Amino acid sequence: MNLKNINTFIKILLTFLFFNLFFVSSSNAKRLAPKEVNPVISNGIKYIVPHFKIINGKVKHGYIEAWDINLNKKIWEIQIYKINYDNNLEKDVQDVFIISLKIQKNKLIILNEINDKYELNIETKKINKL
């Protein structure tokens, strides 16, 4: 191998290493943890958003829990929406977290980070996508 070929080889190798180090490391970066959602309280019940629920060994999202304030006891929980994961993509980039929770009369208004808005009737547990 002559000097010109060695220099070309080194340039190609360094370019390859640079792009792999820069682009592969940034593409494998995990997303930031979701921000906490302030609970809402109505008639002695506190409604909270647990961002990560473990059910049957799997992490689930999109849940609301209702807690009796006086007893400090969970009364019920409900999944507002489900995520259909694509097995060809990393799960963390497909997660969708609830970002806002408000109460209006007997309904919780729920907004997630992809701007899907839901209404949960706290008496009937009926969910409507708005």
N, C-alpha and C. Protein backbone atom coordinates (compact mmCIF):
# COMPACT_ATOMS: atom_id res chain seq x y z
N MET A 1 0.85 -1.18 0.00
CA MET A 1 0.00 0.00 0.00
C MET A 1 0.89 1.24 0.00
N ASN A 2 0.57 2.18 -0.86
CA ASN A 2 1.39 3.38 -0.88
C ASN A 2 0.82 4.42 0.08
N LEU A 3 1.55 5.50 0.24
CA LEU A 3 1.18 6.55 1.20
C LEU A 3 -0.17 7.18 0.86
N LYS A 4 -0.46 7.37 -0.42
CA LYS A 4 -1.72 7.98 -0.84
C LYS A 4 -2.90 7.09 -0.44
N ASN A 5 -2.77 5.80 -0.64
CA ASN A 5 -3.84 4.86 -0.27
C ASN A 5 -4.03 4.80 1.25
N ILE A 6 -2.94 4.86 1.98
CA ILE A 6 -3.03 4.84 3.45
C ILE A 6 -3.73 6.10 3.95
N ASN A 7 -3.38 7.25 3.40
CA ASN A 7 -4.04 8.51 3.80
C ASN A 7 -5.52 8.47 3.47
N THR A 8 -5.88 7.96 2.31
CA THR A 8 -7.29 7.85 1.92
C THR A 8 -8.02 6.92 2.88
N PHE A 9 -7.40 5.77 3.19
CA PHE A 9 -7.99 4.80 4.11
C PHE A 9 -8.22 5.43 5.49
N ILE A 10 -7.24 6.15 5.98
CA ILE A 10 -7.35 6.79 7.30
C ILE A 10 -8.46 7.83 7.30
N LYS A 11 -8.56 8.62 6.23
CA LYS A 11 -9.64 9.62 6.14
C LYS A 11 -11.01 8.96 6.16
N ILE A 12 -11.14 7.89 5.39
CA ILE A 12 -12.43 7.17 5.35
C ILE A 12 -12.74 6.58 6.73
N LEU A 13 -11.75 5.98 7.35
CA LEU A 13 -11.95 5.39 8.67
C LEU A 13 -12.33 6.43 9.70
N LEU A 14 -11.63 7.56 9.72
CA LEU A 14 -11.94 8.63 10.68
C LEU A 14 -13.33 9.21 10.43
N THR A 15 -13.70 9.37 9.17
CA THR A 15 -15.05 9.87 8.84
C THR A 15 -16.10 8.89 9.34
N PHE A 16 -15.88 7.61 9.08
CA PHE A 16 -16.81 6.57 9.55
C PHE A 16 -16.95 6.61 11.06
N LEU A 17 -15.82 6.67 11.77
CA LEU A 17 -15.86 6.69 13.23
C LEU A 17 -16.56 7.94 13.76
N PHE A 18 -16.29 9.08 13.16
CA PHE A 18 -16.92 10.32 13.59
C PHE A 18 -18.44 10.23 13.47
N PHE A 19 -18.91 9.82 12.30
CA PHE A 19 -20.36 9.74 12.10
C PHE A 19 -21.00 8.70 13.01
N ASN A 20 -20.35 7.58 13.22
CA ASN A 20 -20.90 6.57 14.12
C ASN A 20 -20.96 7.07 15.55
N LEU A 21 -19.91 7.70 15.99
CA LEU A 21 -19.90 8.20 17.36
C LEU A 21 -20.93 9.30 17.55
N PHE A 22 -21.04 10.21 16.61
CA PHE A 22 -21.94 11.34 16.75
C PHE A 22 -23.39 10.94 16.55
N PHE A 23 -23.70 10.31 15.43
CA PHE A 23 -25.10 10.04 15.09
C PHE A 23 -25.66 8.84 15.84
N VAL A 24 -24.90 7.79 16.03
CA VAL A 24 -25.42 6.62 16.74
C VAL A 24 -25.65 6.96 18.20
N SER A 25 -24.73 7.69 18.83
CA SER A 25 -24.93 8.01 20.24
C SER A 25 -26.11 8.94 20.43
N SER A 26 -26.34 9.87 19.51
CA SER A 26 -27.48 10.77 19.68
C SER A 26 -28.79 10.08 19.32
N SER A 27 -28.75 9.11 18.41
CA SER A 27 -30.00 8.42 18.07
C SER A 27 -30.42 7.45 19.16
N ASN A 28 -29.49 7.03 20.01
CA ASN A 28 -29.83 6.13 21.10
C ASN A 28 -30.17 6.88 22.38
N ALA A 29 -30.19 8.19 22.33
CA ALA A 29 -30.50 8.98 23.52
C ALA A 29 -31.93 8.73 23.95
N LYS A 30 -32.13 8.56 25.22
CA LYS A 30 -33.46 8.34 25.78
C LYS A 30 -34.15 9.69 25.98
N ARG A 31 -35.46 9.65 25.97
CA ARG A 31 -36.20 10.89 26.18
C ARG A 31 -36.17 11.26 27.66
N LEU A 32 -36.44 12.50 27.94
CA LEU A 32 -36.47 12.97 29.33
C LEU A 32 -37.69 12.40 30.05
N ALA A 33 -37.57 12.30 31.35
CA ALA A 33 -38.70 11.85 32.15
C ALA A 33 -39.84 12.86 32.03
N PRO A 34 -41.08 12.37 32.07
CA PRO A 34 -42.21 13.30 31.96
C PRO A 34 -42.32 14.19 33.19
N LYS A 35 -42.85 15.39 32.98
CA LYS A 35 -43.09 16.30 34.10
C LYS A 35 -44.28 15.81 34.90
N GLU A 36 -44.22 16.05 36.20
CA GLU A 36 -45.32 15.66 37.07
C GLU A 36 -46.55 16.49 36.73
N VAL A 37 -47.71 15.85 36.83
CA VAL A 37 -48.98 16.53 36.60
C VAL A 37 -49.60 16.81 37.97
N ASN A 38 -49.97 18.06 38.20
CA ASN A 38 -50.58 18.41 39.47
C ASN A 38 -51.90 17.67 39.66
N PRO A 39 -52.09 17.08 40.84
CA PRO A 39 -53.37 16.41 41.09
C PRO A 39 -54.50 17.43 41.21
N VAL A 40 -55.72 16.97 41.01
CA VAL A 40 -56.89 17.81 41.24
C VAL A 40 -57.74 17.16 42.32
N ILE A 41 -58.40 18.00 43.11
CA ILE A 41 -59.20 17.52 44.23
C ILE A 41 -60.62 18.03 44.08
N SER A 42 -61.56 17.11 44.30
CA SER A 42 -62.97 17.47 44.25
C SER A 42 -63.74 16.55 45.18
N ASN A 43 -64.53 17.13 46.07
CA ASN A 43 -65.39 16.37 46.99
C ASN A 43 -64.63 15.30 47.77
N GLY A 44 -63.45 15.66 48.26
CA GLY A 44 -62.69 14.74 49.09
C GLY A 44 -61.94 13.66 48.31
N ILE A 45 -61.94 13.75 47.00
CA ILE A 45 -61.24 12.78 46.16
C ILE A 45 -60.11 13.50 45.43
N LYS A 46 -58.92 12.90 45.50
CA LYS A 46 -57.77 13.44 44.78
C LYS A 46 -57.53 12.57 43.56
N TYR A 47 -57.46 13.21 42.39
CA TYR A 47 -57.22 12.52 41.12
C TYR A 47 -55.77 12.76 40.72
N ILE A 48 -55.05 11.67 40.51
CA ILE A 48 -53.62 11.79 40.20
C ILE A 48 -53.29 11.04 38.90
N VAL A 49 -52.13 11.42 38.35
CA VAL A 49 -51.63 10.80 37.13
C VAL A 49 -50.32 10.07 37.47
N PRO A 50 -50.37 8.74 37.58
CA PRO A 50 -49.12 7.99 37.73
C PRO A 50 -48.55 7.75 36.34
N HIS A 51 -47.40 8.31 36.05
CA HIS A 51 -46.87 8.18 34.69
C HIS A 51 -46.47 6.75 34.35
N PHE A 52 -46.06 5.98 35.34
CA PHE A 52 -45.62 4.62 35.08
C PHE A 52 -46.38 3.66 35.99
N LYS A 53 -47.18 2.79 35.40
CA LYS A 53 -47.88 1.76 36.16
C LYS A 53 -47.34 0.41 35.71
N ILE A 54 -47.02 -0.44 36.65
CA ILE A 54 -46.58 -1.79 36.33
C ILE A 54 -47.77 -2.72 36.52
N ILE A 55 -48.19 -3.32 35.42
CA ILE A 55 -49.32 -4.25 35.46
C ILE A 55 -48.89 -5.52 34.75
N ASN A 56 -48.92 -6.63 35.48
CA ASN A 56 -48.48 -7.92 34.95
C ASN A 56 -47.07 -7.84 34.37
N GLY A 57 -46.21 -7.09 35.05
CA GLY A 57 -44.83 -6.99 34.64
C GLY A 57 -44.56 -6.05 33.47
N LYS A 58 -45.58 -5.35 33.00
CA LYS A 58 -45.41 -4.43 31.87
C LYS A 58 -45.73 -3.01 32.31
N VAL A 59 -44.97 -2.06 31.76
CA VAL A 59 -45.20 -0.65 32.06
C VAL A 59 -46.37 -0.16 31.22
N LYS A 60 -47.32 0.48 31.87
CA LYS A 60 -48.51 1.02 31.19
C LYS A 60 -48.58 2.52 31.43
N HIS A 61 -49.21 3.20 30.49
CA HIS A 61 -49.36 4.65 30.56
C HIS A 61 -50.81 5.03 30.35
N GLY A 62 -51.11 6.31 30.61
CA GLY A 62 -52.45 6.82 30.35
C GLY A 62 -53.46 6.53 31.45
N TYR A 63 -53.00 6.37 32.67
CA TYR A 63 -53.88 6.04 33.79
C TYR A 63 -54.20 7.25 34.65
N ILE A 64 -55.37 7.20 35.24
CA ILE A 64 -55.81 8.15 36.28
C ILE A 64 -56.18 7.31 37.50
N GLU A 65 -55.78 7.79 38.67
CA GLU A 65 -56.17 7.15 39.93
C GLU A 65 -56.98 8.12 40.77
N ALA A 66 -57.97 7.57 41.46
CA ALA A 66 -58.79 8.36 42.39
C ALA A 66 -58.48 7.89 43.81
N TRP A 67 -58.15 8.84 44.69
CA TRP A 67 -57.78 8.54 46.07
C TRP A 67 -58.70 9.28 47.04
N ASP A 68 -59.19 8.57 48.04
CA ASP A 68 -59.94 9.18 49.12
C ASP A 68 -58.95 9.90 50.02
N ILE A 69 -59.11 11.22 50.15
CA ILE A 69 -58.15 12.02 50.92
C ILE A 69 -58.17 11.64 52.40
N ASN A 70 -59.34 11.44 52.96
CA ASN A 70 -59.45 11.15 54.40
C ASN A 70 -58.86 9.79 54.76
N LEU A 71 -59.06 8.79 53.91
CA LEU A 71 -58.59 7.44 54.20
C LEU A 71 -57.20 7.16 53.61
N ASN A 72 -56.75 8.08 52.74
CA ASN A 72 -55.50 7.86 52.01
C ASN A 72 -55.50 6.49 51.34
N LYS A 73 -56.61 6.22 50.64
CA LYS A 73 -56.81 4.91 50.03
C LYS A 73 -57.25 5.10 48.58
N LYS A 74 -56.66 4.29 47.70
CA LYS A 74 -57.06 4.34 46.30
C LYS A 74 -58.45 3.73 46.16
N ILE A 75 -59.34 4.47 45.50
CA ILE A 75 -60.72 4.02 45.29
C ILE A 75 -60.85 3.28 43.96
N TRP A 76 -60.26 3.87 42.94
CA TRP A 76 -60.29 3.25 41.62
C TRP A 76 -59.18 3.80 40.75
N GLU A 77 -58.95 3.09 39.65
CA GLU A 77 -58.01 3.55 38.62
C GLU A 77 -58.61 3.17 37.28
N ILE A 78 -58.24 3.94 36.26
CA ILE A 78 -58.76 3.67 34.93
C ILE A 78 -57.73 4.09 33.89
N GLN A 79 -57.63 3.29 32.84
CA GLN A 79 -56.74 3.65 31.74
C GLN A 79 -57.54 4.47 30.74
N ILE A 80 -57.06 5.67 30.47
CA ILE A 80 -57.75 6.60 29.58
C ILE A 80 -57.50 6.24 28.12
N TYR A 81 -56.29 5.84 27.79
CA TYR A 81 -55.94 5.46 26.42
C TYR A 81 -54.84 4.41 26.47
N LYS A 82 -54.73 3.67 25.39
CA LYS A 82 -53.69 2.66 25.24
C LYS A 82 -52.74 3.09 24.13
N ILE A 83 -51.52 2.61 24.23
CA ILE A 83 -50.52 2.89 23.21
C ILE A 83 -50.26 1.60 22.44
N ASN A 84 -50.39 1.66 21.13
CA ASN A 84 -50.06 0.52 20.28
C ASN A 84 -48.62 0.69 19.81
N TYR A 85 -47.73 -0.10 20.40
CA TYR A 85 -46.31 0.04 20.12
C TYR A 85 -45.93 -0.67 18.82
N ASP A 86 -45.02 -0.03 18.09
CA ASP A 86 -44.40 -0.62 16.91
C ASP A 86 -43.14 -1.33 17.38
N ASN A 87 -43.08 -2.64 17.19
CA ASN A 87 -41.94 -3.42 17.67
C ASN A 87 -40.62 -3.07 16.99
N ASN A 88 -40.69 -2.35 15.88
CA ASN A 88 -39.48 -1.95 15.17
C ASN A 88 -38.86 -0.67 15.71
N LEU A 89 -39.54 -0.02 16.65
CA LEU A 89 -39.05 1.22 17.25
C LEU A 89 -38.85 1.04 18.74
N GLU A 90 -37.99 1.87 19.31
CA GLU A 90 -37.82 1.83 20.76
C GLU A 90 -39.11 2.29 21.43
N LYS A 91 -39.45 1.64 22.53
CA LYS A 91 -40.71 1.96 23.22
C LYS A 91 -40.71 3.36 23.80
N ASP A 92 -39.57 3.79 24.35
CA ASP A 92 -39.57 5.08 25.03
C ASP A 92 -39.88 6.24 24.10
N VAL A 93 -39.56 6.13 22.82
CA VAL A 93 -39.89 7.21 21.90
C VAL A 93 -41.35 7.17 21.46
N GLN A 94 -42.04 6.08 21.79
CA GLN A 94 -43.44 5.95 21.44
C GLN A 94 -44.37 6.23 22.62
N ASP A 95 -43.80 6.33 23.81
CA ASP A 95 -44.61 6.60 25.01
C ASP A 95 -45.33 7.93 24.86
N VAL A 96 -46.55 7.97 25.37
CA VAL A 96 -47.35 9.19 25.34
C VAL A 96 -47.83 9.44 26.77
N PHE A 97 -47.42 10.57 27.34
CA PHE A 97 -47.74 10.86 28.73
C PHE A 97 -48.84 11.91 28.85
N ILE A 98 -49.60 11.80 29.92
CA ILE A 98 -50.60 12.81 30.25
C ILE A 98 -49.85 14.05 30.75
N ILE A 99 -50.26 15.22 30.26
CA ILE A 99 -49.57 16.46 30.66
C ILE A 99 -50.48 17.42 31.43
N SER A 100 -51.79 17.18 31.38
CA SER A 100 -52.70 18.11 32.05
C SER A 100 -53.93 17.38 32.55
N LEU A 101 -54.39 17.79 33.71
CA LEU A 101 -55.57 17.22 34.34
C LEU A 101 -56.36 18.35 34.97
N LYS A 102 -57.62 18.49 34.57
CA LYS A 102 -58.51 19.53 35.12
C LYS A 102 -59.85 18.90 35.44
N ILE A 103 -60.58 19.56 36.33
CA ILE A 103 -61.93 19.07 36.65
C ILE A 103 -62.94 20.15 36.28
N GLN A 104 -64.00 19.72 35.63
CA GLN A 104 -65.11 20.59 35.28
C GLN A 104 -66.40 19.85 35.63
N LYS A 105 -67.06 20.37 36.66
CA LYS A 105 -68.26 19.71 37.20
C LYS A 105 -67.91 18.29 37.60
N ASN A 106 -68.52 17.27 37.01
CA ASN A 106 -68.23 15.89 37.41
C ASN A 106 -67.37 15.19 36.36
N LYS A 107 -66.57 15.97 35.63
CA LYS A 107 -65.74 15.39 34.58
C LYS A 107 -64.29 15.84 34.70
N LEU A 108 -63.39 14.89 34.48
CA LEU A 108 -61.97 15.20 34.39
C LEU A 108 -61.64 15.44 32.92
N ILE A 109 -60.92 16.49 32.67
CA ILE A 109 -60.45 16.80 31.32
C ILE A 109 -58.96 16.46 31.29
N ILE A 110 -58.60 15.57 30.40
CA ILE A 110 -57.24 15.02 30.35
C ILE A 110 -56.63 15.35 29.00
N LEU A 111 -55.39 15.85 29.02
CA LEU A 111 -54.67 16.16 27.79
C LEU A 111 -53.35 15.42 27.82
N ASN A 112 -53.01 14.76 26.70
CA ASN A 112 -51.71 14.11 26.65
C ASN A 112 -50.76 14.90 25.75
N GLU A 113 -49.52 14.46 25.68
CA GLU A 113 -48.50 15.25 25.00
C GLU A 113 -48.60 15.26 23.48
N ILE A 114 -49.49 14.47 22.91
CA ILE A 114 -49.72 14.58 21.46
C ILE A 114 -51.05 15.29 21.19
N ASN A 115 -51.51 16.02 22.21
CA ASN A 115 -52.71 16.86 22.14
C ASN A 115 -54.01 16.09 21.95
N ASP A 116 -54.03 14.83 22.36
CA ASP A 116 -55.29 14.11 22.44
C ASP A 116 -55.97 14.56 23.72
N LYS A 117 -57.25 14.90 23.61
CA LYS A 117 -57.99 15.40 24.76
C LYS A 117 -59.12 14.41 25.07
N TYR A 118 -59.27 14.10 26.36
CA TYR A 118 -60.28 13.14 26.80
C TYR A 118 -61.10 13.75 27.92
N GLU A 119 -62.31 13.23 28.04
CA GLU A 119 -63.22 13.63 29.11
C GLU A 119 -63.62 12.35 29.84
N LEU A 120 -63.41 12.34 31.15
CA LEU A 120 -63.76 11.19 31.98
C LEU A 120 -64.85 11.60 32.94
N ASN A 121 -66.03 10.97 32.83
CA ASN A 121 -67.11 11.20 33.77
C ASN A 121 -66.73 10.45 35.05
N ILE A 122 -66.51 11.18 36.14
CA ILE A 122 -66.02 10.54 37.37
C ILE A 122 -67.09 9.72 38.09
N GLU A 123 -68.34 9.88 37.70
CA GLU A 123 -69.40 9.07 38.29
C GLU A 123 -69.59 7.76 37.53
N THR A 124 -69.65 7.84 36.21
CA THR A 124 -69.93 6.65 35.39
C THR A 124 -68.66 5.97 34.88
N LYS A 125 -67.51 6.66 34.94
CA LYS A 125 -66.20 6.22 34.42
C LYS A 125 -66.22 6.11 32.89
N LYS A 126 -67.17 6.78 32.25
CA LYS A 126 -67.23 6.78 30.80
C LYS A 126 -66.18 7.75 30.27
N ILE A 127 -65.44 7.31 29.24
CA ILE A 127 -64.38 8.10 28.64
C ILE A 127 -64.82 8.52 27.24
N ASN A 128 -64.69 9.80 26.95
CA ASN A 128 -64.95 10.33 25.61
C ASN A 128 -63.70 11.02 25.12
N LYS A 129 -63.33 10.72 23.87
CA LYS A 129 -62.24 11.45 23.25
C LYS A 129 -62.84 12.70 22.63
N LEU A 130 -62.29 13.86 22.96
CA LEU A 130 -62.83 15.12 22.45
C LEU A 130 -62.16 15.54 21.16
